[in-house]
Amino acid sequence: MKDELKQIARRVNWFESPEKVVRDVDRFLVYFMQYCLDTDIPVMRRYFTDQQFRHALNNRLPGILDDRSAAYWDLVLPV
């Protein structure tokens, strides 16, 4: 795993190892959409497609992503 991806995984999901976090892509992306920094977005876009982000957003588990973050990502991701 690339160091930059590991750092993001560690920051957005601090209670699990980065290796475990990245294994569940949808869950990782939902945590990312909630806790990311603006500077993280271009990095993650190199590793994950818009379709992967959209899939994670549409199939997210309850309780991770707040309404404000969900609305933002719903606007910026293509349908």
N, C-alpha and C. Protein backbone atom coordinates (compact mmCIF):
# COMPACT_ATOMS: atom_id res chain seq x y z
N MET A 1 0.85 -1.17 0.00
CA MET A 1 0.00 0.00 0.00
C MET A 1 0.90 1.24 0.00
N LYS A 2 0.55 2.21 -0.79
CA LYS A 2 1.30 3.46 -0.87
C LYS A 2 1.22 4.21 0.46
N ASP A 3 2.30 4.89 0.81
CA ASP A 3 2.34 5.63 2.08
C ASP A 3 1.25 6.69 2.17
N GLU A 4 0.99 7.40 1.06
CA GLU A 4 -0.01 8.46 1.10
C GLU A 4 -1.41 7.89 1.37
N LEU A 5 -1.70 6.73 0.83
CA LEU A 5 -2.98 6.08 1.08
C LEU A 5 -3.06 5.57 2.52
N LYS A 6 -1.97 5.05 3.01
CA LYS A 6 -1.91 4.57 4.39
C LYS A 6 -2.13 5.72 5.37
N GLN A 7 -1.54 6.87 5.11
CA GLN A 7 -1.71 8.03 5.99
C GLN A 7 -3.17 8.49 6.02
N ILE A 8 -3.80 8.51 4.87
CA ILE A 8 -5.21 8.91 4.82
C ILE A 8 -6.06 7.89 5.56
N ALA A 9 -5.83 6.62 5.33
CA ALA A 9 -6.60 5.56 6.00
C ALA A 9 -6.45 5.67 7.51
N ARG A 10 -5.25 5.94 7.97
CA ARG A 10 -4.99 6.06 9.41
C ARG A 10 -5.73 7.26 10.00
N ARG A 11 -5.80 8.34 9.25
CA ARG A 11 -6.44 9.55 9.76
C ARG A 11 -7.96 9.46 9.76
N VAL A 12 -8.55 8.91 8.71
CA VAL A 12 -10.02 8.90 8.62
C VAL A 12 -10.65 7.76 9.41
N ASN A 13 -9.88 6.74 9.71
CA ASN A 13 -10.38 5.62 10.51
C ASN A 13 -9.26 5.22 11.47
N TRP A 14 -9.12 6.00 12.53
CA TRP A 14 -7.99 5.91 13.44
C TRP A 14 -8.03 4.70 14.37
N PHE A 15 -9.14 4.00 14.44
CA PHE A 15 -9.30 2.92 15.41
C PHE A 15 -9.05 1.54 14.81
N GLU A 16 -8.65 1.48 13.54
CA GLU A 16 -8.29 0.22 12.89
C GLU A 16 -7.01 0.41 12.10
N SER A 17 -6.33 -0.67 11.82
CA SER A 17 -5.10 -0.57 11.04
C SER A 17 -5.43 -0.13 9.61
N PRO A 18 -4.53 0.63 8.99
CA PRO A 18 -4.78 1.07 7.61
C PRO A 18 -5.00 -0.11 6.65
N GLU A 19 -4.30 -1.19 6.86
CA GLU A 19 -4.46 -2.37 5.99
C GLU A 19 -5.88 -2.92 6.07
N LYS A 20 -6.43 -2.97 7.28
CA LYS A 20 -7.79 -3.48 7.46
C LYS A 20 -8.81 -2.50 6.87
N VAL A 21 -8.57 -1.23 7.07
CA VAL A 21 -9.49 -0.20 6.58
C VAL A 21 -9.63 -0.28 5.06
N VAL A 22 -8.51 -0.37 4.37
CA VAL A 22 -8.51 -0.32 2.91
C VAL A 22 -9.12 -1.58 2.28
N ARG A 23 -9.13 -2.68 3.01
CA ARG A 23 -9.71 -3.93 2.47
C ARG A 23 -11.19 -3.80 2.14
N ASP A 24 -11.92 -3.02 2.93
CA ASP A 24 -13.35 -2.80 2.67
C ASP A 24 -13.48 -1.43 2.00
N VAL A 25 -13.41 -1.42 0.69
CA VAL A 25 -13.33 -0.17 -0.08
C VAL A 25 -14.53 0.74 0.20
N ASP A 26 -15.74 0.20 0.16
CA ASP A 26 -16.92 1.04 0.38
C ASP A 26 -16.88 1.72 1.74
N ARG A 27 -16.57 0.95 2.76
CA ARG A 27 -16.50 1.50 4.12
C ARG A 27 -15.40 2.55 4.23
N PHE A 28 -14.24 2.26 3.66
CA PHE A 28 -13.13 3.20 3.66
C PHE A 28 -13.53 4.51 2.99
N LEU A 29 -14.17 4.42 1.84
CA LEU A 29 -14.57 5.63 1.12
C LEU A 29 -15.61 6.44 1.88
N VAL A 30 -16.51 5.77 2.58
CA VAL A 30 -17.50 6.50 3.38
C VAL A 30 -16.81 7.23 4.53
N TYR A 31 -15.89 6.56 5.23
CA TYR A 31 -15.13 7.26 6.27
C TYR A 31 -14.34 8.41 5.67
N PHE A 32 -13.76 8.19 4.51
CA PHE A 32 -13.03 9.25 3.83
C PHE A 32 -13.94 10.44 3.54
N MET A 33 -15.12 10.17 2.98
CA MET A 33 -16.03 11.26 2.64
C MET A 33 -16.46 12.05 3.88
N GLN A 34 -16.43 11.44 5.03
CA GLN A 34 -16.79 12.13 6.26
C GLN A 34 -15.61 12.92 6.85
N TYR A 35 -14.43 12.35 6.85
CA TYR A 35 -13.32 12.92 7.62
C TYR A 35 -12.14 13.44 6.79
N CYS A 36 -12.27 13.50 5.49
CA CYS A 36 -11.13 13.89 4.66
C CYS A 36 -10.79 15.37 4.79
N LEU A 37 -9.57 15.66 4.39
CA LEU A 37 -9.13 17.04 4.22
C LEU A 37 -9.22 17.37 2.74
N ASP A 38 -9.34 18.63 2.42
CA ASP A 38 -9.41 19.04 1.01
C ASP A 38 -8.22 18.53 0.22
N THR A 39 -7.06 18.53 0.84
CA THR A 39 -5.83 18.11 0.16
C THR A 39 -5.80 16.60 -0.11
N ASP A 40 -6.66 15.85 0.57
CA ASP A 40 -6.72 14.39 0.37
C ASP A 40 -7.48 14.01 -0.89
N ILE A 41 -8.38 14.85 -1.33
CA ILE A 41 -9.29 14.48 -2.42
C ILE A 41 -8.54 14.15 -3.71
N PRO A 42 -7.59 14.98 -4.16
CA PRO A 42 -6.86 14.61 -5.39
C PRO A 42 -6.08 13.30 -5.25
N VAL A 43 -5.58 13.04 -4.07
CA VAL A 43 -4.84 11.79 -3.83
C VAL A 43 -5.78 10.60 -4.00
N MET A 44 -6.92 10.65 -3.34
CA MET A 44 -7.86 9.53 -3.40
C MET A 44 -8.44 9.35 -4.79
N ARG A 45 -8.58 10.43 -5.53
CA ARG A 45 -9.12 10.34 -6.89
C ARG A 45 -8.15 9.62 -7.83
N ARG A 46 -6.88 9.57 -7.45
CA ARG A 46 -5.91 8.79 -8.24
C ARG A 46 -6.08 7.29 -8.01
N TYR A 47 -6.59 6.91 -6.87
CA TYR A 47 -6.71 5.49 -6.51
C TYR A 47 -8.11 4.93 -6.74
N PHE A 48 -9.13 5.78 -6.66
CA PHE A 48 -10.51 5.30 -6.73
C PHE A 48 -11.29 6.11 -7.77
N THR A 49 -12.18 5.43 -8.47
CA THR A 49 -12.97 6.06 -9.53
C THR A 49 -14.20 6.76 -8.95
N ASP A 50 -14.79 7.63 -9.76
CA ASP A 50 -16.06 8.25 -9.37
C ASP A 50 -17.13 7.20 -9.11
N GLN A 51 -17.11 6.14 -9.91
CA GLN A 51 -18.09 5.07 -9.74
C GLN A 51 -17.92 4.39 -8.38
N GLN A 52 -16.70 4.21 -7.93
CA GLN A 52 -16.47 3.61 -6.62
C GLN A 52 -16.96 4.53 -5.50
N PHE A 53 -16.69 5.82 -5.65
CA PHE A 53 -17.19 6.79 -4.66
C PHE A 53 -18.72 6.79 -4.64
N ARG A 54 -19.33 6.82 -5.82
CA ARG A 54 -20.79 6.85 -5.91
C ARG A 54 -21.39 5.57 -5.31
N HIS A 55 -20.79 4.43 -5.60
CA HIS A 55 -21.28 3.16 -5.04
C HIS A 55 -21.22 3.18 -3.52
N ALA A 56 -20.10 3.65 -2.98
CA ALA A 56 -19.95 3.73 -1.52
C ALA A 56 -20.99 4.67 -0.92
N LEU A 57 -21.20 5.80 -1.57
CA LEU A 57 -22.18 6.78 -1.08
C LEU A 57 -23.59 6.20 -1.10
N ASN A 58 -23.94 5.53 -2.17
CA ASN A 58 -25.30 4.98 -2.31
C ASN A 58 -25.54 3.76 -1.43
N ASN A 59 -24.49 3.09 -1.00
CA ASN A 59 -24.63 1.86 -0.22
C ASN A 59 -24.02 1.98 1.17
N ARG A 60 -23.92 3.18 1.67
CA ARG A 60 -23.24 3.41 2.95
C ARG A 60 -24.02 2.84 4.13
N LEU A 61 -23.26 2.44 5.13
CA LEU A 61 -23.85 2.01 6.39
C LEU A 61 -24.30 3.24 7.16
N PRO A 62 -25.39 3.14 7.90
CA PRO A 62 -25.85 4.30 8.66
C PRO A 62 -24.88 4.65 9.79
N GLY A 63 -24.86 5.93 10.13
CA GLY A 63 -24.10 6.36 11.29
C GLY A 63 -22.68 6.82 11.04
N ILE A 64 -22.19 6.73 9.81
CA ILE A 64 -20.81 7.15 9.53
C ILE A 64 -20.81 8.53 8.88
N LEU A 65 -21.59 8.71 7.86
CA LEU A 65 -21.58 9.93 7.06
C LEU A 65 -22.74 10.84 7.48
N ASP A 66 -22.42 12.06 7.89
CA ASP A 66 -23.49 12.98 8.28
C ASP A 66 -24.19 13.54 7.04
N ASP A 67 -25.34 14.15 7.26
CA ASP A 67 -26.17 14.64 6.15
C ASP A 67 -25.44 15.70 5.32
N ARG A 68 -24.70 16.56 5.96
CA ARG A 68 -23.99 17.63 5.24
C ARG A 68 -22.95 17.06 4.30
N SER A 69 -22.16 16.11 4.80
CA SER A 69 -21.13 15.49 3.96
C SER A 69 -21.77 14.69 2.82
N ALA A 70 -22.84 13.97 3.13
CA ALA A 70 -23.52 13.19 2.10
C ALA A 70 -24.05 14.11 1.00
N ALA A 71 -24.61 15.26 1.38
CA ALA A 71 -25.13 16.20 0.39
C ALA A 71 -24.00 16.76 -0.48
N TYR A 72 -22.86 17.08 0.13
CA TYR A 72 -21.72 17.58 -0.63
C TYR A 72 -21.28 16.57 -1.68
N TRP A 73 -21.04 15.33 -1.24
CA TRP A 73 -20.55 14.31 -2.17
C TRP A 73 -21.59 13.96 -3.23
N ASP A 74 -22.85 14.04 -2.87
CA ASP A 74 -23.90 13.79 -3.85
C ASP A 74 -23.87 14.85 -4.96
N LEU A 75 -23.49 16.07 -4.61
CA LEU A 75 -23.39 17.14 -5.60
C LEU A 75 -22.15 17.03 -6.48
N VAL A 76 -21.03 16.64 -5.91
CA VAL A 76 -19.77 16.67 -6.67
C VAL A 76 -19.50 15.41 -7.48
N LEU A 77 -20.16 14.31 -7.14
CA LEU A 77 -19.95 13.07 -7.88
C LEU A 77 -20.92 12.97 -9.05
N PRO A 78 -20.43 12.57 -10.21
CA PRO A 78 -21.35 12.39 -11.34
C PRO A 78 -22.33 11.25 -11.07
N VAL A 79 -23.50 11.37 -11.65
CA VAL A 79 -24.53 10.34 -11.46
C VAL A 79 -24.24 9.15 -12.33
